[in-house]
Amino acid sequence: MINIAAYAGAAIAEIAGCFAFWAWLRMGKSALWLLPGLASLALFAYLLTLVDSAAAGRAYAAYGGVYIVAAIVWLWIAEGVQPDRWDITGSLVCLAGAAIILLGPRS
């Protein structure tokens, strides 16, 4: 359960932090947007350390699938663009891959 919470929190923090930079560079927002953006990206990095994995690379690889799903949710909620069937299908494939990486039996 901690893994799910850590990944979900990390995804929100990463997307919010990256969006702060997007808003500054692409939407003409104030550079002050970078302050919460940087804090959010630091929180993202911290949350990934909470994932129960013996190897950082494996935790990061599995996170990739979670991030993709979160980005599609962001597209829908924050940007008002409804995901199409290819967005949803691709997200599910990535999430399945993340589960295989993180939960696969290891010797």
PDB file of N, CA and C in Angstrom:
ATOM      1  N   MET A   1       0.827  -1.196   0.000  1.00  0.00           N
ATOM      2  CA  MET A   1       0.000   0.000   0.000  1.00  0.00           C
ATOM      3  C   MET A   1       0.871   1.260   0.000  1.00  0.00           C
ATOM      4  N   ILE A   2       2.013   1.204   0.684  1.00  0.00           N
ATOM      5  CA  ILE A   2       2.914   2.371   0.697  1.00  0.00           C
ATOM      6  C   ILE A   2       3.419   2.654  -0.708  1.00  0.00           C
ATOM      7  N   ASN A   3       3.704   1.595  -1.478  1.00  0.00           N
ATOM      8  CA  ASN A   3       4.179   1.804  -2.847  1.00  0.00           C
ATOM      9  C   ASN A   3       3.154   2.581  -3.670  1.00  0.00           C
ATOM     10  N   ILE A   4       1.909   2.211  -3.567  1.00  0.00           N
ATOM     11  CA  ILE A   4       0.861   2.878  -4.343  1.00  0.00           C
ATOM     12  C   ILE A   4       0.753   4.346  -3.936  1.00  0.00           C
ATOM     13  N   ALA A   5       0.753   4.606  -2.631  1.00  0.00           N
ATOM     14  CA  ALA A   5       0.668   5.988  -2.151  1.00  0.00           C
ATOM     15  C   ALA A   5       1.893   6.792  -2.563  1.00  0.00           C
ATOM     16  N   ALA A   6       3.073   6.180  -2.458  1.00  0.00           N
ATOM     17  CA  ALA A   6       4.304   6.883  -2.844  1.00  0.00           C
ATOM     18  C   ALA A   6       4.295   7.196  -4.334  1.00  0.00           C
ATOM     19  N   TYR A   7       3.914   6.236  -5.156  1.00  0.00           N
ATOM     20  CA  TYR A   7       3.869   6.464  -6.598  1.00  0.00           C
ATOM     21  C   TYR A   7       2.815   7.514  -6.959  1.00  0.00           C
ATOM     22  N   ALA A   8       1.653   7.445  -6.357  1.00  0.00           N
ATOM     23  CA  ALA A   8       0.601   8.421  -6.656  1.00  0.00           C
ATOM     24  C   ALA A   8       1.043   9.822  -6.238  1.00  0.00           C
ATOM     25  N   GLY A   9       1.595   9.941  -5.047  1.00  0.00           N
ATOM     26  CA  GLY A   9       2.079  11.243  -4.588  1.00  0.00           C
ATOM     27  C   GLY A   9       3.206  11.763  -5.450  1.00  0.00           C
ATOM     28  N   ALA A  10       4.118  10.873  -5.835  1.00  0.00           N
ATOM     29  CA  ALA A  10       5.238  11.273  -6.694  1.00  0.00           C
ATOM     30  C   ALA A  10       4.738  11.773  -8.046  1.00  0.00           C
ATOM     31  N   ALA A  11       3.745  11.098  -8.583  1.00  0.00           N
ATOM     32  CA  ALA A  11       3.211  11.506  -9.887  1.00  0.00           C
ATOM     33  C   ALA A  11       2.579  12.890  -9.812  1.00  0.00           C
ATOM     34  N   ILE A  12       1.801  13.126  -8.783  1.00  0.00           N
ATOM     35  CA  ILE A  12       1.175  14.442  -8.618  1.00  0.00           C
ATOM     36  C   ILE A  12       2.246  15.518  -8.439  1.00  0.00           C
ATOM     37  N   ALA A  13       3.233  15.222  -7.597  1.00  0.00           N
ATOM     38  CA  ALA A  13       4.295  16.199  -7.341  1.00  0.00           C
ATOM     39  C   ALA A  13       5.118  16.479  -8.596  1.00  0.00           C
ATOM     40  N   GLU A  14       5.435  15.439  -9.359  1.00  0.00           N
ATOM     41  CA  GLU A  14       6.235  15.651 -10.564  1.00  0.00           C
ATOM     42  C   GLU A  14       5.468  16.443 -11.613  1.00  0.00           C
ATOM     43  N   ILE A  15       4.229  16.077 -11.847  1.00  0.00           N
ATOM     44  CA  ILE A  15       3.441  16.780 -12.854  1.00  0.00           C
ATOM     45  C   ILE A  15       3.224  18.236 -12.437  1.00  0.00           C
ATOM     46  N   ALA A  16       2.929  18.466 -11.171  1.00  0.00           N
ATOM     47  CA  ALA A  16       2.741  19.839 -10.703  1.00  0.00           C
ATOM     48  C   ALA A  16       4.030  20.644 -10.855  1.00  0.00           C
ATOM     49  N   GLY A  17       5.167  20.049 -10.503  1.00  0.00           N
ATOM     50  CA  GLY A  17       6.441  20.739 -10.634  1.00  0.00           C
ATOM     51  C   GLY A  17       6.791  21.043 -12.079  1.00  0.00           C
ATOM     52  N   CYS A  18       6.583  20.076 -12.938  1.00  0.00           N
ATOM     53  CA  CYS A  18       6.858  20.296 -14.360  1.00  0.00           C
ATOM     54  C   CYS A  18       5.897  21.317 -14.955  1.00  0.00           C
ATOM     55  N   PHE A  19       4.642  21.286 -14.505  1.00  0.00           N
ATOM     56  CA  PHE A  19       3.675  22.256 -15.021  1.00  0.00           C
ATOM     57  C   PHE A  19       4.057  23.678 -14.627  1.00  0.00           C
ATOM     58  N   ALA A  20       4.667  23.852 -13.452  1.00  0.00           N
ATOM     59  CA  ALA A  20       5.113  25.181 -13.033  1.00  0.00           C
ATOM     60  C   ALA A  20       6.120  25.737 -14.038  1.00  0.00           C
ATOM     61  N   PHE A  21       7.039  24.893 -14.501  1.00  0.00           N
ATOM     62  CA  PHE A  21       8.002  25.324 -15.515  1.00  0.00           C
ATOM     63  C   PHE A  21       7.300  25.591 -16.848  1.00  0.00           C
ATOM     64  N   TRP A  22       6.353  24.743 -17.199  1.00  0.00           N
ATOM     65  CA  TRP A  22       5.578  24.924 -18.433  1.00  0.00           C
ATOM     66  C   TRP A  22       4.851  26.274 -18.391  1.00  0.00           C
ATOM     67  N   ALA A  23       4.220  26.546 -17.256  1.00  0.00           N
ATOM     68  CA  ALA A  23       3.470  27.799 -17.109  1.00  0.00           C
ATOM     69  C   ALA A  23       4.398  28.999 -17.250  1.00  0.00           C
ATOM     70  N   TRP A  24       5.575  28.920 -16.669  1.00  0.00           N
ATOM     71  CA  TRP A  24       6.535  30.018 -16.752  1.00  0.00           C
ATOM     72  C   TRP A  24       7.053  30.206 -18.180  1.00  0.00           C
ATOM     73  N   LEU A  25       7.486  29.102 -18.803  1.00  0.00           N
ATOM     74  CA  LEU A  25       8.125  29.209 -20.114  1.00  0.00           C
ATOM     75  C   LEU A  25       7.152  29.279 -21.291  1.00  0.00           C
ATOM     76  N   ARG A  26       6.019  28.613 -21.167  1.00  0.00           N
ATOM     77  CA  ARG A  26       5.119  28.519 -22.321  1.00  0.00           C
ATOM     78  C   ARG A  26       3.853  29.356 -22.198  1.00  0.00           C
ATOM     79  N   MET A  27       3.508  29.719 -20.957  1.00  0.00           N
ATOM     80  CA  MET A  27       2.264  30.456 -20.748  1.00  0.00           C
ATOM     81  C   MET A  27       2.508  31.884 -20.265  1.00  0.00           C
ATOM     82  N   GLY A  28       3.787  32.252 -20.121  1.00  0.00           N
ATOM     83  CA  GLY A  28       4.112  33.611 -19.720  1.00  0.00           C
ATOM     84  C   GLY A  28       3.835  33.947 -18.272  1.00  0.00           C
ATOM     85  N   LYS A  29       3.748  32.952 -17.409  1.00  0.00           N
ATOM     86  CA  LYS A  29       3.521  33.203 -15.983  1.00  0.00           C
ATOM     87  C   LYS A  29       4.800  33.733 -15.344  1.00  0.00           C
ATOM     88  N   SER A  30       4.658  34.279 -14.168  1.00  0.00           N
ATOM     89  CA  SER A  30       5.790  34.840 -13.425  1.00  0.00           C
ATOM     90  C   SER A  30       6.814  33.756 -13.076  1.00  0.00           C
ATOM     91  N   ALA A  31       8.076  34.166 -12.977  1.00  0.00           N
ATOM     92  CA  ALA A  31       9.136  33.241 -12.556  1.00  0.00           C
ATOM     93  C   ALA A  31       8.908  32.756 -11.128  1.00  0.00           C
ATOM     94  N   LEU A  32       8.040  33.415 -10.384  1.00  0.00           N
ATOM     95  CA  LEU A  32       7.717  32.960  -9.027  1.00  0.00           C
ATOM     96  C   LEU A  32       7.053  31.581  -9.031  1.00  0.00           C
ATOM     97  N   TRP A  33       6.505  31.191 -10.171  1.00  0.00           N
ATOM     98  CA  TRP A  33       5.928  29.851 -10.303  1.00  0.00           C
ATOM     99  C   TRP A  33       6.998  28.782 -10.077  1.00  0.00           C
ATOM    100  N   LEU A  34       8.260  29.140 -10.283  1.00  0.00           N
ATOM    101  CA  LEU A  34       9.340  28.162 -10.145  1.00  0.00           C
ATOM    102  C   LEU A  34       9.563  27.745  -8.699  1.00  0.00           C
ATOM    103  N   LEU A  35       9.262  28.609  -7.744  1.00  0.00           N
ATOM    104  CA  LEU A  35       9.490  28.261  -6.334  1.00  0.00           C
ATOM    105  C   LEU A  35       8.659  27.056  -5.885  1.00  0.00           C
ATOM    106  N   PRO A  36       7.330  27.094  -6.050  1.00  0.00           N
ATOM    107  CA  PRO A  36       6.581  25.888  -5.691  1.00  0.00           C
ATOM    108  C   PRO A  36       6.894  24.727  -6.632  1.00  0.00           C
ATOM    109  N   GLY A  37       7.249  25.050  -7.877  1.00  0.00           N
ATOM    110  CA  GLY A  37       7.612  23.995  -8.823  1.00  0.00           C
ATOM    111  C   GLY A  37       8.835  23.222  -8.356  1.00  0.00           C
ATOM    112  N   LEU A  38       9.858  23.933  -7.915  1.00  0.00           N
ATOM    113  CA  LEU A  38      11.067  23.266  -7.417  1.00  0.00           C
ATOM    114  C   LEU A  38      10.791  22.480  -6.146  1.00  0.00           C
ATOM    115  N   ALA A  39       9.979  23.030  -5.257  1.00  0.00           N
ATOM    116  CA  ALA A  39       9.612  22.308  -4.034  1.00  0.00           C
ATOM    117  C   ALA A  39       8.850  21.031  -4.381  1.00  0.00           C
ATOM    118  N   SER A  40       7.976  21.133  -5.350  1.00  0.00           N
ATOM    119  CA  SER A  40       7.197  19.979  -5.772  1.00  0.00           C
ATOM    120  C   SER A  40       8.094  18.891  -6.376  1.00  0.00           C
ATOM    121  N   LEU A  41       9.083  19.302  -7.170  1.00  0.00           N
ATOM    122  CA  LEU A  41      10.008  18.324  -7.754  1.00  0.00           C
ATOM    123  C   LEU A  41      10.882  17.678  -6.686  1.00  0.00           C
ATOM    124  N   ALA A  42      11.253  18.418  -5.653  1.00  0.00           N
ATOM    125  CA  ALA A  42      12.010  17.830  -4.541  1.00  0.00           C
ATOM    126  C   ALA A  42      11.143  16.809  -3.797  1.00  0.00           C
ATOM    127  N   LEU A  43       9.871  17.133  -3.596  1.00  0.00           N
ATOM    128  CA  LEU A  43       8.947  16.197  -2.956  1.00  0.00           C
ATOM    129  C   LEU A  43       8.804  14.930  -3.793  1.00  0.00           C
ATOM    130  N   PHE A  44       8.715  15.093  -5.101  1.00  0.00           N
ATOM    131  CA  PHE A  44       8.655  13.951  -6.016  1.00  0.00           C
ATOM    132  C   PHE A  44       9.834  13.005  -5.798  1.00  0.00           C
ATOM    133  N   ALA A  45      11.034  13.555  -5.764  1.00  0.00           N
ATOM    134  CA  ALA A  45      12.233  12.726  -5.581  1.00  0.00           C
ATOM    135  C   ALA A  45      12.207  12.024  -4.229  1.00  0.00           C
ATOM    136  N   TYR A  46      11.791  12.733  -3.191  1.00  0.00           N
ATOM    137  CA  TYR A  46      11.710  12.124  -1.862  1.00  0.00           C
ATOM    138  C   TYR A  46      10.704  10.970  -1.844  1.00  0.00           C
ATOM    139  N   LEU A  47       9.545  11.189  -2.423  1.00  0.00           N
ATOM    140  CA  LEU A  47       8.501  10.156  -2.392  1.00  0.00           C
ATOM    141  C   LEU A  47       8.953   8.870  -3.086  1.00  0.00           C
ATOM    142  N   LEU A  48       9.751   8.985  -4.132  1.00  0.00           N
ATOM    143  CA  LEU A  48      10.231   7.771  -4.796  1.00  0.00           C
ATOM    144  C   LEU A  48      11.161   6.958  -3.902  1.00  0.00           C
ATOM    145  N   THR A  49      11.811   7.607  -2.937  1.00  0.00           N
ATOM    146  CA  THR A  49      12.677   6.857  -2.015  1.00  0.00           C
ATOM    147  C   THR A  49      11.867   5.990  -1.056  1.00  0.00           C
ATOM    148  N   LEU A  50      10.571   6.229  -0.955  1.00  0.00           N
ATOM    149  CA  LEU A  50       9.717   5.452  -0.052  1.00  0.00           C
ATOM    150  C   LEU A  50       9.249   4.137  -0.663  1.00  0.00           C
ATOM    151  N   VAL A  51       9.462   3.962  -1.957  1.00  0.00           N
ATOM    152  CA  VAL A  51       9.026   2.747  -2.637  1.00  0.00           C
ATOM    153  C   VAL A  51       9.870   1.575  -2.154  1.00  0.00           C
ATOM    154  N   ASP A  52       9.196   0.478  -1.842  1.00  0.00           N
ATOM    155  CA  ASP A  52       9.864  -0.728  -1.360  1.00  0.00           C
ATOM    156  C   ASP A  52      10.472  -1.491  -2.537  1.00  0.00           C
ATOM    157  N   SER A  53      11.735  -1.183  -2.827  1.00  0.00           N
ATOM    158  CA  SER A  53      12.457  -1.836  -3.904  1.00  0.00           C
ATOM    159  C   SER A  53      13.935  -1.861  -3.533  1.00  0.00           C
ATOM    160  N   ALA A  54      14.582  -2.963  -3.830  1.00  0.00           N
ATOM    161  CA  ALA A  54      16.004  -3.085  -3.516  1.00  0.00           C
ATOM    162  C   ALA A  54      16.869  -2.275  -4.469  1.00  0.00           C
ATOM    163  N   ALA A  55      16.327  -1.908  -5.618  1.00  0.00           N
ATOM    164  CA  ALA A  55      17.101  -1.196  -6.629  1.00  0.00           C
ATOM    165  C   ALA A  55      16.350   0.066  -7.065  1.00  0.00           C
ATOM    166  N   ALA A  56      17.051   1.191  -7.044  1.00  0.00           N
ATOM    167  CA  ALA A  56      16.434   2.459  -7.430  1.00  0.00           C
ATOM    168  C   ALA A  56      15.936   2.415  -8.877  1.00  0.00           C
ATOM    169  N   GLY A  57      16.734   1.849  -9.767  1.00  0.00           N
ATOM    170  CA  GLY A  57      16.346   1.797 -11.174  1.00  0.00           C
ATOM    171  C   GLY A  57      15.041   1.055 -11.395  1.00  0.00           C
ATOM    172  N   ARG A  58      14.826  -0.007 -10.640  1.00  0.00           N
ATOM    173  CA  ARG A  58      13.577  -0.763 -10.770  1.00  0.00           C
ATOM    174  C   ARG A  58      12.400   0.075 -10.271  1.00  0.00           C
ATOM    175  N   ALA A  59      12.586   0.773  -9.170  1.00  0.00           N
ATOM    176  CA  ALA A  59      11.524   1.637  -8.643  1.00  0.00           C
ATOM    177  C   ALA A  59      11.195   2.741  -9.652  1.00  0.00           C
ATOM    178  N   TYR A  60      12.240   3.321 -10.272  1.00  0.00           N
ATOM    179  CA  TYR A  60      12.027   4.387 -11.251  1.00  0.00           C
ATOM    180  C   TYR A  60      11.348   3.849 -12.508  1.00  0.00           C
ATOM    181  N   ALA A  61      11.755   2.672 -12.948  1.00  0.00           N
ATOM    182  CA  ALA A  61      11.165   2.079 -14.153  1.00  0.00           C
ATOM    183  C   ALA A  61       9.676   1.801 -13.941  1.00  0.00           C
ATOM    184  N   ALA A  62       9.342   1.230 -12.802  1.00  0.00           N
ATOM    185  CA  ALA A  62       7.933   0.953 -12.514  1.00  0.00           C
ATOM    186  C   ALA A  62       7.143   2.253 -12.389  1.00  0.00           C
ATOM    187  N   TYR A  63       7.770   3.271 -11.852  1.00  0.00           N
ATOM    188  CA  TYR A  63       7.112   4.573 -11.715  1.00  0.00           C
ATOM    189  C   TYR A  63       6.712   5.148 -13.082  1.00  0.00           C
ATOM    190  N   GLY A  64       7.478   4.829 -14.096  1.00  0.00           N
ATOM    191  CA  GLY A  64       7.187   5.349 -15.430  1.00  0.00           C
ATOM    192  C   GLY A  64       5.761   5.063 -15.868  1.00  0.00           C
ATOM    193  N   GLY A  65       5.281   3.874 -15.599  1.00  0.00           N
ATOM    194  CA  GLY A  65       3.905   3.519 -15.963  1.00  0.00           C
ATOM    195  C   GLY A  65       2.884   4.323 -15.184  1.00  0.00           C
ATOM    196  N   VAL A  66       3.163   4.523 -13.905  1.00  0.00           N
ATOM    197  CA  VAL A  66       2.265   5.310 -13.064  1.00  0.00           C
ATOM    198  C   VAL A  66       2.236   6.757 -13.554  1.00  0.00           C
ATOM    199  N   TYR A  67       3.409   7.279 -13.899  1.00  0.00           N
ATOM    200  CA  TYR A  67       3.497   8.658 -14.391  1.00  0.00           C
ATOM    201  C   TYR A  67       2.666   8.848 -15.662  1.00  0.00           C
ATOM    202  N   ILE A  68       2.719   7.894 -16.557  1.00  0.00           N
ATOM    203  CA  ILE A  68       1.964   8.003 -17.803  1.00  0.00           C
ATOM    204  C   ILE A  68       0.470   8.080 -17.522  1.00  0.00           C
ATOM    205  N   VAL A  69      -0.024   7.235 -16.636  1.00  0.00           N
ATOM    206  CA  VAL A  69      -1.441   7.272 -16.280  1.00  0.00           C
ATOM    207  C   VAL A  69      -1.778   8.623 -15.649  1.00  0.00           C
ATOM    208  N   ALA A  70      -0.924   9.096 -14.740  1.00  0.00           N
ATOM    209  CA  ALA A  70      -1.171  10.384 -14.085  1.00  0.00           C
ATOM    210  C   ALA A  70      -1.172  11.533 -15.097  1.00  0.00           C
ATOM    211  N   ALA A  71      -0.290  11.465 -16.076  1.00  0.00           N
ATOM    212  CA  ALA A  71      -0.239  12.515 -17.090  1.00  0.00           C
ATOM    213  C   ALA A  71      -1.515  12.542 -17.927  1.00  0.00           C
ATOM    214  N   ILE A  72      -2.069  11.382 -18.222  1.00  0.00           N
ATOM    215  CA  ILE A  72      -3.321  11.327 -18.975  1.00  0.00           C
ATOM    216  C   ILE A  72      -4.474  11.868 -18.121  1.00  0.00           C
ATOM    217  N   VAL A  73      -4.469  11.566 -16.833  1.00  0.00           N
ATOM    218  CA  VAL A  73      -5.483  12.125 -15.926  1.00  0.00           C
ATOM    219  C   VAL A  73      -5.333  13.648 -15.861  1.00  0.00           C
ATOM    220  N   TRP A  74      -4.084  14.135 -15.784  1.00  0.00           N
ATOM    221  CA  TRP A  74      -3.829  15.582 -15.792  1.00  0.00           C
ATOM    222  C   TRP A  74      -4.373  16.213 -17.079  1.00  0.00           C
ATOM    223  N   LEU A  75      -4.126  15.566 -18.203  1.00  0.00           N
ATOM    224  CA  LEU A  75      -4.622  16.041 -19.495  1.00  0.00           C
ATOM    225  C   LEU A  75      -6.121  16.270 -19.425  1.00  0.00           C
ATOM    226  N   TRP A  76      -6.808  15.331 -18.817  1.00  0.00           N
ATOM    227  CA  TRP A  76      -8.262  15.368 -18.751  1.00  0.00           C
ATOM    228  C   TRP A  76      -8.757  16.408 -17.738  1.00  0.00           C
ATOM    229  N   ILE A  77      -8.209  16.359 -16.506  1.00  0.00           N
ATOM    230  CA  ILE A  77      -8.728  17.218 -15.434  1.00  0.00           C
ATOM    231  C   ILE A  77      -8.207  18.649 -15.536  1.00  0.00           C
ATOM    232  N   ALA A  78      -6.917  18.818 -15.676  1.00  0.00           N
ATOM    233  CA  ALA A  78      -6.322  20.161 -15.635  1.00  0.00           C
ATOM    234  C   ALA A  78      -6.403  20.884 -16.972  1.00  0.00           C
ATOM    235  N   GLU A  79      -6.297  20.134 -18.066  1.00  0.00           N
ATOM    236  CA  GLU A  79      -6.278  20.782 -19.373  1.00  0.00           C
ATOM    237  C   GLU A  79      -7.605  20.681 -20.124  1.00  0.00           C
ATOM    238  N   GLY A  80      -8.518  19.887 -19.590  1.00  0.00           N
ATOM    239  CA  GLY A  80      -9.833  19.791 -20.201  1.00  0.00           C
ATOM    240  C   GLY A  80      -9.886  19.036 -21.518  1.00  0.00           C
ATOM    241  N   VAL A  81      -8.853  18.212 -21.780  1.00  0.00           N
ATOM    242  CA  VAL A  81      -8.819  17.422 -23.013  1.00  0.00           C
ATOM    243  C   VAL A  81      -9.174  15.981 -22.653  1.00  0.00           C
ATOM    244  N   GLN A  82     -10.269  15.496 -23.203  1.00  0.00           N
ATOM    245  CA  GLN A  82     -10.708  14.144 -22.884  1.00  0.00           C
ATOM    246  C   GLN A  82      -9.799  13.124 -23.574  1.00  0.00           C
ATOM    247  N   PRO A  83      -9.263  12.174 -22.803  1.00  0.00           N
ATOM    248  CA  PRO A  83      -8.409  11.139 -23.403  1.00  0.00           C
ATOM    249  C   PRO A  83      -9.209  10.295 -24.392  1.00  0.00           C
ATOM    250  N   ASP A  84      -8.550   9.896 -25.464  1.00  0.00           N
ATOM    251  CA  ASP A  84      -9.213   9.012 -26.412  1.00  0.00           C
ATOM    252  C   ASP A  84      -8.855   7.563 -26.089  1.00  0.00           C
ATOM    253  N   ARG A  85      -9.362   6.656 -26.881  1.00  0.00           N
ATOM    254  CA  ARG A  85      -9.148   5.228 -26.593  1.00  0.00           C
ATOM    255  C   ARG A  85      -7.675   4.854 -26.662  1.00  0.00           C
ATOM    256  N   TRP A  86      -6.896   5.554 -27.474  1.00  0.00           N
ATOM    257  CA  TRP A  86      -5.466   5.246 -27.588  1.00  0.00           C
ATOM    258  C   TRP A  86      -4.711   5.726 -26.357  1.00  0.00           C
ATOM    259  N   ASP A  87      -5.124   6.858 -25.810  1.00  0.00           N
ATOM    260  CA  ASP A  87      -4.527   7.326 -24.556  1.00  0.00           C
ATOM    261  C   ASP A  87      -4.784   6.314 -23.439  1.00  0.00           C
ATOM    262  N   ILE A  88      -6.023   5.865 -23.355  1.00  0.00           N
ATOM    263  CA  ILE A  88      -6.401   4.939 -22.289  1.00  0.00           C
ATOM    264  C   ILE A  88      -5.737   3.577 -22.491  1.00  0.00           C
ATOM    265  N   THR A  89      -5.764   3.071 -23.702  1.00  0.00           N
ATOM    266  CA  THR A  89      -5.137   1.775 -23.980  1.00  0.00           C
ATOM    267  C   THR A  89      -3.640   1.819 -23.692  1.00  0.00           C
ATOM    268  N   GLY A  90      -2.969   2.846 -24.160  1.00  0.00           N
ATOM    269  CA  GLY A  90      -1.540   2.985 -23.913  1.00  0.00           C
ATOM    270  C   GLY A  90      -1.226   3.090 -22.434  1.00  0.00           C
ATOM    271  N   SER A  91      -2.055   3.821 -21.703  1.00  0.00           N
ATOM    272  CA  SER A  91      -1.862   3.955 -20.261  1.00  0.00           C
ATOM    273  C   SER A  91      -1.993   2.618 -19.550  1.00  0.00           C
ATOM    274  N   LEU A  92      -2.985   1.837 -19.939  1.00  0.00           N
ATOM    275  CA  LEU A  92      -3.182   0.531 -19.308  1.00  0.00           C
ATOM    276  C   LEU A  92      -2.024  -0.421 -19.607  1.00  0.00           C
ATOM    277  N   VAL A  93      -1.517  -0.370 -20.834  1.00  0.00           N
ATOM    278  CA  VAL A  93      -0.360  -1.205 -21.192  1.00  0.00           C
ATOM    279  C   VAL A  93       0.844  -0.811 -20.340  1.00  0.00           C
ATOM    280  N   CYS A  94       1.066   0.486 -20.190  1.00  0.00           N
ATOM    281  CA  CYS A  94       2.196   0.956 -19.383  1.00  0.00           C
ATOM    282  C   CYS A  94       2.035   0.575 -17.913  1.00  0.00           C
ATOM    283  N   LEU A  95       0.821   0.686 -17.394  1.00  0.00           N
ATOM    284  CA  LEU A  95       0.574   0.317 -16.001  1.00  0.00           C
ATOM    285  C   LEU A  95       0.796  -1.176 -15.788  1.00  0.00           C
ATOM    286  N   ALA A  96       0.392  -1.996 -16.753  1.00  0.00           N
ATOM    287  CA  ALA A  96       0.651  -3.438 -16.669  1.00  0.00           C
ATOM    288  C   ALA A  96       2.154  -3.701 -16.658  1.00  0.00           C
ATOM    289  N   GLY A  97       2.901  -2.997 -17.500  1.00  0.00           N
ATOM    290  CA  GLY A  97       4.354  -3.139 -17.511  1.00  0.00           C
ATOM    291  C   GLY A  97       4.973  -2.743 -16.189  1.00  0.00           C
ATOM    292  N   ALA A  98       4.480  -1.676 -15.595  1.00  0.00           N
ATOM    293  CA  ALA A  98       4.986  -1.233 -14.291  1.00  0.00           C
ATOM    294  C   ALA A  98       4.739  -2.296 -13.228  1.00  0.00           C
ATOM    295  N   ALA A  99       3.557  -2.903 -13.254  1.00  0.00           N
ATOM    296  CA  ALA A  99       3.239  -3.958 -12.285  1.00  0.00           C
ATOM    297  C   ALA A  99       4.151  -5.161 -12.459  1.00  0.00           C
ATOM    298  N   ILE A 100       4.429  -5.525 -13.688  1.00  0.00           N
ATOM    299  CA  ILE A 100       5.332  -6.655 -13.948  1.00  0.00           C
ATOM    300  C   ILE A 100       6.722  -6.353 -13.398  1.00  0.00           C
ATOM    301  N   ILE A 101       7.212  -5.150 -13.640  1.00  0.00           N
ATOM    302  CA  ILE A 101       8.542  -4.781 -13.159  1.00  0.00           C
ATOM    303  C   ILE A 101       8.595  -4.806 -11.640  1.00  0.00           C
ATOM    304  N   LEU A 102       7.628  -4.225 -10.992  1.00  0.00           N
ATOM    305  CA  LEU A 102       7.674  -4.067  -9.547  1.00  0.00           C
ATOM    306  C   LEU A 102       7.283  -5.332  -8.796  1.00  0.00           C
ATOM    307  N   LEU A 103       6.330  -6.071  -9.324  1.00  0.00           N
ATOM    308  CA  LEU A 103       5.768  -7.199  -8.579  1.00  0.00           C
ATOM    309  C   LEU A 103       6.237  -8.573  -9.065  1.00  0.00           C
ATOM    310  N   GLY A 104       7.005  -8.610 -10.145  1.00  0.00           N
ATOM    311  CA  GLY A 104       7.450  -9.899 -10.685  1.00  0.00           C
ATOM    312  C   GLY A 104       8.287 -10.681  -9.684  1.00  0.00           C
ATOM    313  N   PRO A 105       8.134 -12.015  -9.683  1.00  0.00           N
ATOM    314  CA  PRO A 105       8.921 -12.829  -8.749  1.00  0.00           C
ATOM    315  C   PRO A 105      10.404 -12.767  -9.076  1.00  0.00           C
ATOM    316  N   ARG A 106      11.193 -12.627  -8.057  1.00  0.00           N
ATOM    317  CA  ARG A 106      12.655 -12.554  -8.233  1.00  0.00           C
ATOM    318  C   ARG A 106      13.307 -13.564  -7.313  1.00  0.00           C
ATOM    319  N   SER A 107      14.436 -14.051  -7.760  1.00  0.00           N
ATOM    320  CA  SER A 107      15.144 -15.028  -6.914  1.00  0.00           C
ATOM    321  C   SER A 107      16.136 -14.362  -6.008  1.00  0.00           C
TER     322      SER A 107
END
